[in-house]
Amino acid sequence: MDYVSALVPPVVMAAFFIGLVVTIVKSQGGPNKGKEDAAVDAAISRAEAAHQAPRTDTV
């Protein structure tokens, strides 16, 4: 019975990991895809603008 107790934790973790991957794959796309893409594009644009802005706080 030691082999059963040794195999249970990896099997449980694998089942949860497979469930997580399936959930992520199913949540991709759909009706909110455009809104999510727009939010990511806006965040990237803000980050790039902040990175390229000249610094005025140099001493």
PDB file of N, CA and C in Angstrom:
ATOM      1  N   MET A   1       0.815  -1.209   0.000  1.00  0.00           N
ATOM      2  CA  MET A   1       0.000   0.000   0.000  1.00  0.00           C
ATOM      3  C   MET A   1       0.854   1.267   0.000  1.00  0.00           C
ATOM      4  N   ASP A   2       2.147   1.125   0.200  1.00  0.00           N
ATOM      5  CA  ASP A   2       3.007   2.305   0.168  1.00  0.00           C
ATOM      6  C   ASP A   2       3.036   2.932  -1.215  1.00  0.00           C
ATOM      7  N   TYR A   3       2.932   2.106  -2.256  1.00  0.00           N
ATOM      8  CA  TYR A   3       2.966   2.654  -3.606  1.00  0.00           C
ATOM      9  C   TYR A   3       1.718   3.487  -3.891  1.00  0.00           C
ATOM     10  N   VAL A   4       0.595   3.150  -3.291  1.00  0.00           N
ATOM     11  CA  VAL A   4      -0.629   3.937  -3.488  1.00  0.00           C
ATOM     12  C   VAL A   4      -0.463   5.309  -2.844  1.00  0.00           C
ATOM     13  N   SER A   5       0.044   5.356  -1.623  1.00  0.00           N
ATOM     14  CA  SER A   5       0.237   6.637  -0.951  1.00  0.00           C
ATOM     15  C   SER A   5       1.330   7.454  -1.632  1.00  0.00           C
ATOM     16  N   ALA A   6       2.257   6.812  -2.319  1.00  0.00           N
ATOM     17  CA  ALA A   6       3.298   7.537  -3.039  1.00  0.00           C
ATOM     18  C   ALA A   6       2.771   8.103  -4.356  1.00  0.00           C
ATOM     19  N   LEU A   7       1.780   7.463  -4.960  1.00  0.00           N
ATOM     20  CA  LEU A   7       1.262   7.901  -6.249  1.00  0.00           C
ATOM     21  C   LEU A   7       0.116   8.893  -6.145  1.00  0.00           C
ATOM     22  N   VAL A   8      -0.579   8.942  -5.027  1.00  0.00           N
ATOM     23  CA  VAL A   8      -1.758   9.803  -4.912  1.00  0.00           C
ATOM     24  C   VAL A   8      -1.411  11.289  -5.080  1.00  0.00           C
ATOM     25  N   PRO A   9      -0.422  11.853  -4.390  1.00  0.00           N
ATOM     26  CA  PRO A   9      -0.157  13.289  -4.564  1.00  0.00           C
ATOM     27  C   PRO A   9       0.171  13.698  -6.008  1.00  0.00           C
ATOM     28  N   PRO A  10       1.040  12.981  -6.741  1.00  0.00           N
ATOM     29  CA  PRO A  10       1.279  13.383  -8.120  1.00  0.00           C
ATOM     30  C   PRO A  10       0.047  13.262  -9.012  1.00  0.00           C
ATOM     31  N   VAL A  11      -0.747  12.252  -8.784  1.00  0.00           N
ATOM     32  CA  VAL A  11      -1.960  12.075  -9.596  1.00  0.00           C
ATOM     33  C   VAL A  11      -2.935  13.211  -9.315  1.00  0.00           C
ATOM     34  N   VAL A  12      -3.093  13.598  -8.065  1.00  0.00           N
ATOM     35  CA  VAL A  12      -3.991  14.699  -7.717  1.00  0.00           C
ATOM     36  C   VAL A  12      -3.475  16.008  -8.317  1.00  0.00           C
ATOM     37  N   MET A  13      -2.179  16.252  -8.208  1.00  0.00           N
ATOM     38  CA  MET A  13      -1.611  17.480  -8.788  1.00  0.00           C
ATOM     39  C   MET A  13      -1.765  17.484 -10.308  1.00  0.00           C
ATOM     40  N   ALA A  14      -1.569  16.353 -10.939  1.00  0.00           N
ATOM     41  CA  ALA A  14      -1.719  16.274 -12.389  1.00  0.00           C
ATOM     42  C   ALA A  14      -3.163  16.550 -12.788  1.00  0.00           C
ATOM     43  N   ALA A  15      -4.118  16.039 -12.036  1.00  0.00           N
ATOM     44  CA  ALA A  15      -5.534  16.275 -12.351  1.00  0.00           C
ATOM     45  C   ALA A  15      -5.868  17.756 -12.217  1.00  0.00           C
ATOM     46  N   PHE A  16      -5.402  18.402 -11.163  1.00  0.00           N
ATOM     47  CA  PHE A  16      -5.650  19.840 -11.010  1.00  0.00           C
ATOM     48  C   PHE A  16      -4.967  20.651 -12.111  1.00  0.00           C
ATOM     49  N   PHE A  17      -3.758  20.251 -12.490  1.00  0.00           N
ATOM     50  CA  PHE A  17      -3.033  20.966 -13.548  1.00  0.00           C
ATOM     51  C   PHE A  17      -3.753  20.826 -14.883  1.00  0.00           C
ATOM     52  N   ILE A  18      -4.225  19.633 -15.185  1.00  0.00           N
ATOM     53  CA  ILE A  18      -4.980  19.426 -16.428  1.00  0.00           C
ATOM     54  C   ILE A  18      -6.250  20.257 -16.408  1.00  0.00           C
ATOM     55  N   GLY A  19      -6.931  20.305 -15.275  1.00  0.00           N
ATOM     56  CA  GLY A  19      -8.127  21.141 -15.158  1.00  0.00           C
ATOM     57  C   GLY A  19      -7.813  22.609 -15.353  1.00  0.00           C
ATOM     58  N   LEU A  20      -6.691  23.065 -14.818  1.00  0.00           N
ATOM     59  CA  LEU A  20      -6.278  24.464 -14.986  1.00  0.00           C
ATOM     60  C   LEU A  20      -6.004  24.783 -16.453  1.00  0.00           C
ATOM     61  N   VAL A  21      -5.284  23.900 -17.128  1.00  0.00           N
ATOM     62  CA  VAL A  21      -4.975  24.119 -18.541  1.00  0.00           C
ATOM     63  C   VAL A  21      -6.249  24.125 -19.377  1.00  0.00           C
ATOM     64  N   VAL A  22      -7.160  23.206 -19.107  1.00  0.00           N
ATOM     65  CA  VAL A  22      -8.420  23.164 -19.851  1.00  0.00           C
ATOM     66  C   VAL A  22      -9.213  24.447 -19.621  1.00  0.00           C
ATOM     67  N   THR A  23      -9.246  24.936 -18.392  1.00  0.00           N
ATOM     68  CA  THR A  23      -9.962  26.181 -18.085  1.00  0.00           C
ATOM     69  C   THR A  23      -9.344  27.362 -18.816  1.00  0.00           C
ATOM     70  N   ILE A  24      -8.023  27.439 -18.838  1.00  0.00           N
ATOM     71  CA  ILE A  24      -7.347  28.542 -19.532  1.00  0.00           C
ATOM     72  C   ILE A  24      -7.635  28.483 -21.022  1.00  0.00           C
ATOM     73  N   VAL A  25      -7.566  27.304 -21.612  1.00  0.00           N
ATOM     74  CA  VAL A  25      -7.800  27.174 -23.048  1.00  0.00           C
ATOM     75  C   VAL A  25      -9.242  27.529 -23.390  1.00  0.00           C
ATOM     76  N   LYS A  26     -10.191  27.100 -22.572  1.00  0.00           N
ATOM     77  CA  LYS A  26     -11.594  27.401 -22.854  1.00  0.00           C
ATOM     78  C   LYS A  26     -11.913  28.880 -22.681  1.00  0.00           C
ATOM     79  N   SER A  27     -11.174  29.573 -21.809  1.00  0.00           N
ATOM     80  CA  SER A  27     -11.475  30.980 -21.560  1.00  0.00           C
ATOM     81  C   SER A  27     -10.846  31.903 -22.594  1.00  0.00           C
ATOM     82  N   GLN A  28     -10.014  31.366 -23.476  1.00  0.00           N
ATOM     83  CA  GLN A  28      -9.398  32.185 -24.515  1.00  0.00           C
ATOM     84  C   GLN A  28     -10.439  32.499 -25.584  1.00  0.00           C
ATOM     85  N   GLY A  29     -10.409  33.709 -26.073  1.00  0.00           N
ATOM     86  CA  GLY A  29     -11.346  34.092 -27.123  1.00  0.00           C
ATOM     87  C   GLY A  29     -12.708  34.419 -26.541  1.00  0.00           C
ATOM     88  N   GLY A  30     -13.725  34.208 -27.307  1.00  0.00           N
ATOM     89  CA  GLY A  30     -15.078  34.476 -26.835  1.00  0.00           C
ATOM     90  C   GLY A  30     -15.469  35.926 -27.021  1.00  0.00           C
ATOM     91  N   PRO A  31     -16.599  36.318 -26.440  1.00  0.00           N
ATOM     92  CA  PRO A  31     -17.119  37.669 -26.656  1.00  0.00           C
ATOM     93  C   PRO A  31     -16.272  38.771 -26.043  1.00  0.00           C
ATOM     94  N   ASN A  32     -15.466  38.467 -25.029  1.00  0.00           N
ATOM     95  CA  ASN A  32     -14.661  39.501 -24.365  1.00  0.00           C
ATOM     96  C   ASN A  32     -13.253  39.610 -24.929  1.00  0.00           C
ATOM     97  N   LYS A  33     -12.942  38.848 -25.967  1.00  0.00           N
ATOM     98  CA  LYS A  33     -11.576  38.852 -26.494  1.00  0.00           C
ATOM     99  C   LYS A  33     -11.150  40.235 -26.968  1.00  0.00           C
ATOM    100  N   GLY A  34     -12.003  40.940 -27.659  1.00  0.00           N
ATOM    101  CA  GLY A  34     -11.658  42.273 -28.147  1.00  0.00           C
ATOM    102  C   GLY A  34     -11.398  43.243 -27.019  1.00  0.00           C
ATOM    103  N   LYS A  35     -12.222  43.171 -25.994  1.00  0.00           N
ATOM    104  CA  LYS A  35     -12.044  44.076 -24.845  1.00  0.00           C
ATOM    105  C   LYS A  35     -10.747  43.760 -24.108  1.00  0.00           C
ATOM    106  N   GLU A  36     -10.442  42.473 -23.930  1.00  0.00           N
ATOM    107  CA  GLU A  36      -9.210  42.093 -23.254  1.00  0.00           C
ATOM    108  C   GLU A  36      -7.994  42.505 -24.076  1.00  0.00           C
ATOM    109  N   ASP A  37      -8.057  42.302 -25.398  1.00  0.00           N
ATOM    110  CA  ASP A  37      -6.940  42.691 -26.246  1.00  0.00           C
ATOM    111  C   ASP A  37      -6.734  44.201 -26.211  1.00  0.00           C
ATOM    112  N   ALA A  38      -7.820  44.958 -26.211  1.00  0.00           N
ATOM    113  CA  ALA A  38      -7.708  46.414 -26.160  1.00  0.00           C
ATOM    114  C   ALA A  38      -7.087  46.867 -24.845  1.00  0.00           C
ATOM    115  N   ALA A  39      -7.449  46.228 -23.745  1.00  0.00           N
ATOM    116  CA  ALA A  39      -6.889  46.587 -22.442  1.00  0.00           C
ATOM    117  C   ALA A  39      -5.390  46.298 -22.404  1.00  0.00           C
ATOM    118  N   VAL A  40      -4.979  45.167 -22.955  1.00  0.00           N
ATOM    119  CA  VAL A  40      -3.557  44.821 -22.980  1.00  0.00           C
ATOM    120  C   VAL A  40      -2.795  45.788 -23.883  1.00  0.00           C
ATOM    121  N   ASP A  41      -3.358  46.108 -25.039  1.00  0.00           N
ATOM    122  CA  ASP A  41      -2.700  47.054 -25.948  1.00  0.00           C
ATOM    123  C   ASP A  41      -2.545  48.424 -25.300  1.00  0.00           C
ATOM    124  N   ALA A  42      -3.562  48.875 -24.568  1.00  0.00           N
ATOM    125  CA  ALA A  42      -3.490  50.170 -23.894  1.00  0.00           C
ATOM    126  C   ALA A  42      -2.408  50.154 -22.806  1.00  0.00           C
ATOM    127  N   ALA A  43      -2.329  49.084 -22.063  1.00  0.00           N
ATOM    128  CA  ALA A  43      -1.318  48.982 -21.011  1.00  0.00           C
ATOM    129  C   ALA A  43       0.088  48.972 -21.603  1.00  0.00           C
ATOM    130  N   ILE A  44       0.267  48.265 -22.702  1.00  0.00           N
ATOM    131  CA  ILE A  44       1.578  48.229 -23.354  1.00  0.00           C
ATOM    132  C   ILE A  44       1.934  49.609 -23.890  1.00  0.00           C
ATOM    133  N   SER A  45       0.968  50.294 -24.469  1.00  0.00           N
ATOM    134  CA  SER A  45       1.217  51.644 -24.988  1.00  0.00           C
ATOM    135  C   SER A  45       1.629  52.595 -23.871  1.00  0.00           C
ATOM    136  N   ARG A  46       0.935  52.519 -22.719  1.00  0.00           N
ATOM    137  CA  ARG A  46       1.295  53.377 -21.584  1.00  0.00           C
ATOM    138  C   ARG A  46       2.701  53.060 -21.089  1.00  0.00           C
ATOM    139  N   ALA A  47       3.043  51.781 -21.028  1.00  0.00           N
ATOM    140  CA  ALA A  47       4.368  51.400 -20.552  1.00  0.00           C
ATOM    141  C   ALA A  47       5.450  51.876 -21.514  1.00  0.00           C
ATOM    142  N   GLU A  48       5.198  51.746 -22.805  1.00  0.00           N
ATOM    143  CA  GLU A  48       6.186  52.208 -23.774  1.00  0.00           C
ATOM    144  C   GLU A  48       6.319  53.731 -23.747  1.00  0.00           C
ATOM    145  N   ALA A  49       5.218  54.438 -23.585  1.00  0.00           N
ATOM    146  CA  ALA A  49       5.267  55.901 -23.522  1.00  0.00           C
ATOM    147  C   ALA A  49       6.032  56.356 -22.280  1.00  0.00           C
ATOM    148  N   ALA A  50       5.815  55.690 -21.169  1.00  0.00           N
ATOM    149  CA  ALA A  50       6.524  56.046 -19.944  1.00  0.00           C
ATOM    150  C   ALA A  50       8.017  55.734 -20.070  1.00  0.00           C
ATOM    151  N   HIS A  51       8.326  54.666 -20.769  1.00  0.00           N
ATOM    152  CA  HIS A  51       9.727  54.289 -20.949  1.00  0.00           C
ATOM    153  C   HIS A  51      10.456  55.262 -21.866  1.00  0.00           C
ATOM    154  N   GLN A  52       9.759  55.799 -22.869  1.00  0.00           N
ATOM    155  CA  GLN A  52      10.381  56.688 -23.846  1.00  0.00           C
ATOM    156  C   GLN A  52      10.343  58.165 -23.439  1.00  0.00           C
ATOM    157  N   ALA A  53       9.560  58.492 -22.416  1.00  0.00           N
ATOM    158  CA  ALA A  53       9.446  59.897 -22.006  1.00  0.00           C
ATOM    159  C   ALA A  53      10.774  60.367 -21.398  1.00  0.00           C
ATOM    160  N   PRO A  54      11.186  61.586 -21.708  1.00  0.00           N
ATOM    161  CA  PRO A  54      12.439  62.096 -21.130  1.00  0.00           C
ATOM    162  C   PRO A  54      12.275  62.332 -19.632  1.00  0.00           C
ATOM    163  N   ARG A  55      13.340  62.070 -18.916  1.00  0.00           N
ATOM    164  CA  ARG A  55      13.286  62.259 -17.468  1.00  0.00           C
ATOM    165  C   ARG A  55      13.679  63.687 -17.124  1.00  0.00           C
ATOM    166  N   THR A  56      12.909  64.273 -16.201  1.00  0.00           N
ATOM    167  CA  THR A  56      13.198  65.639 -15.760  1.00  0.00           C
ATOM    168  C   THR A  56      13.654  65.683 -14.313  1.00  0.00           C
ATOM    169  N   ASP A  57      13.755  64.510 -13.668  1.00  0.00           N
ATOM    170  CA  ASP A  57      14.093  64.483 -12.246  1.00  0.00           C
ATOM    171  C   ASP A  57      15.564  64.149 -12.005  1.00  0.00           C
ATOM    172  N   THR A  58      16.427  64.349 -12.997  1.00  0.00           N
ATOM    173  CA  THR A  58      17.844  64.083 -12.788  1.00  0.00           C
ATOM    174  C   THR A  58      18.478  65.181 -11.955  1.00  0.00           C
ATOM    175  N   VAL A  59      19.433  64.798 -11.154  1.00  0.00           N
ATOM    176  CA  VAL A  59      20.082  65.768 -10.255  1.00  0.00           C
ATOM    177  C   VAL A  59      21.480  66.023 -10.688  1.00  0.00           C
TER     178      VAL A  59
END
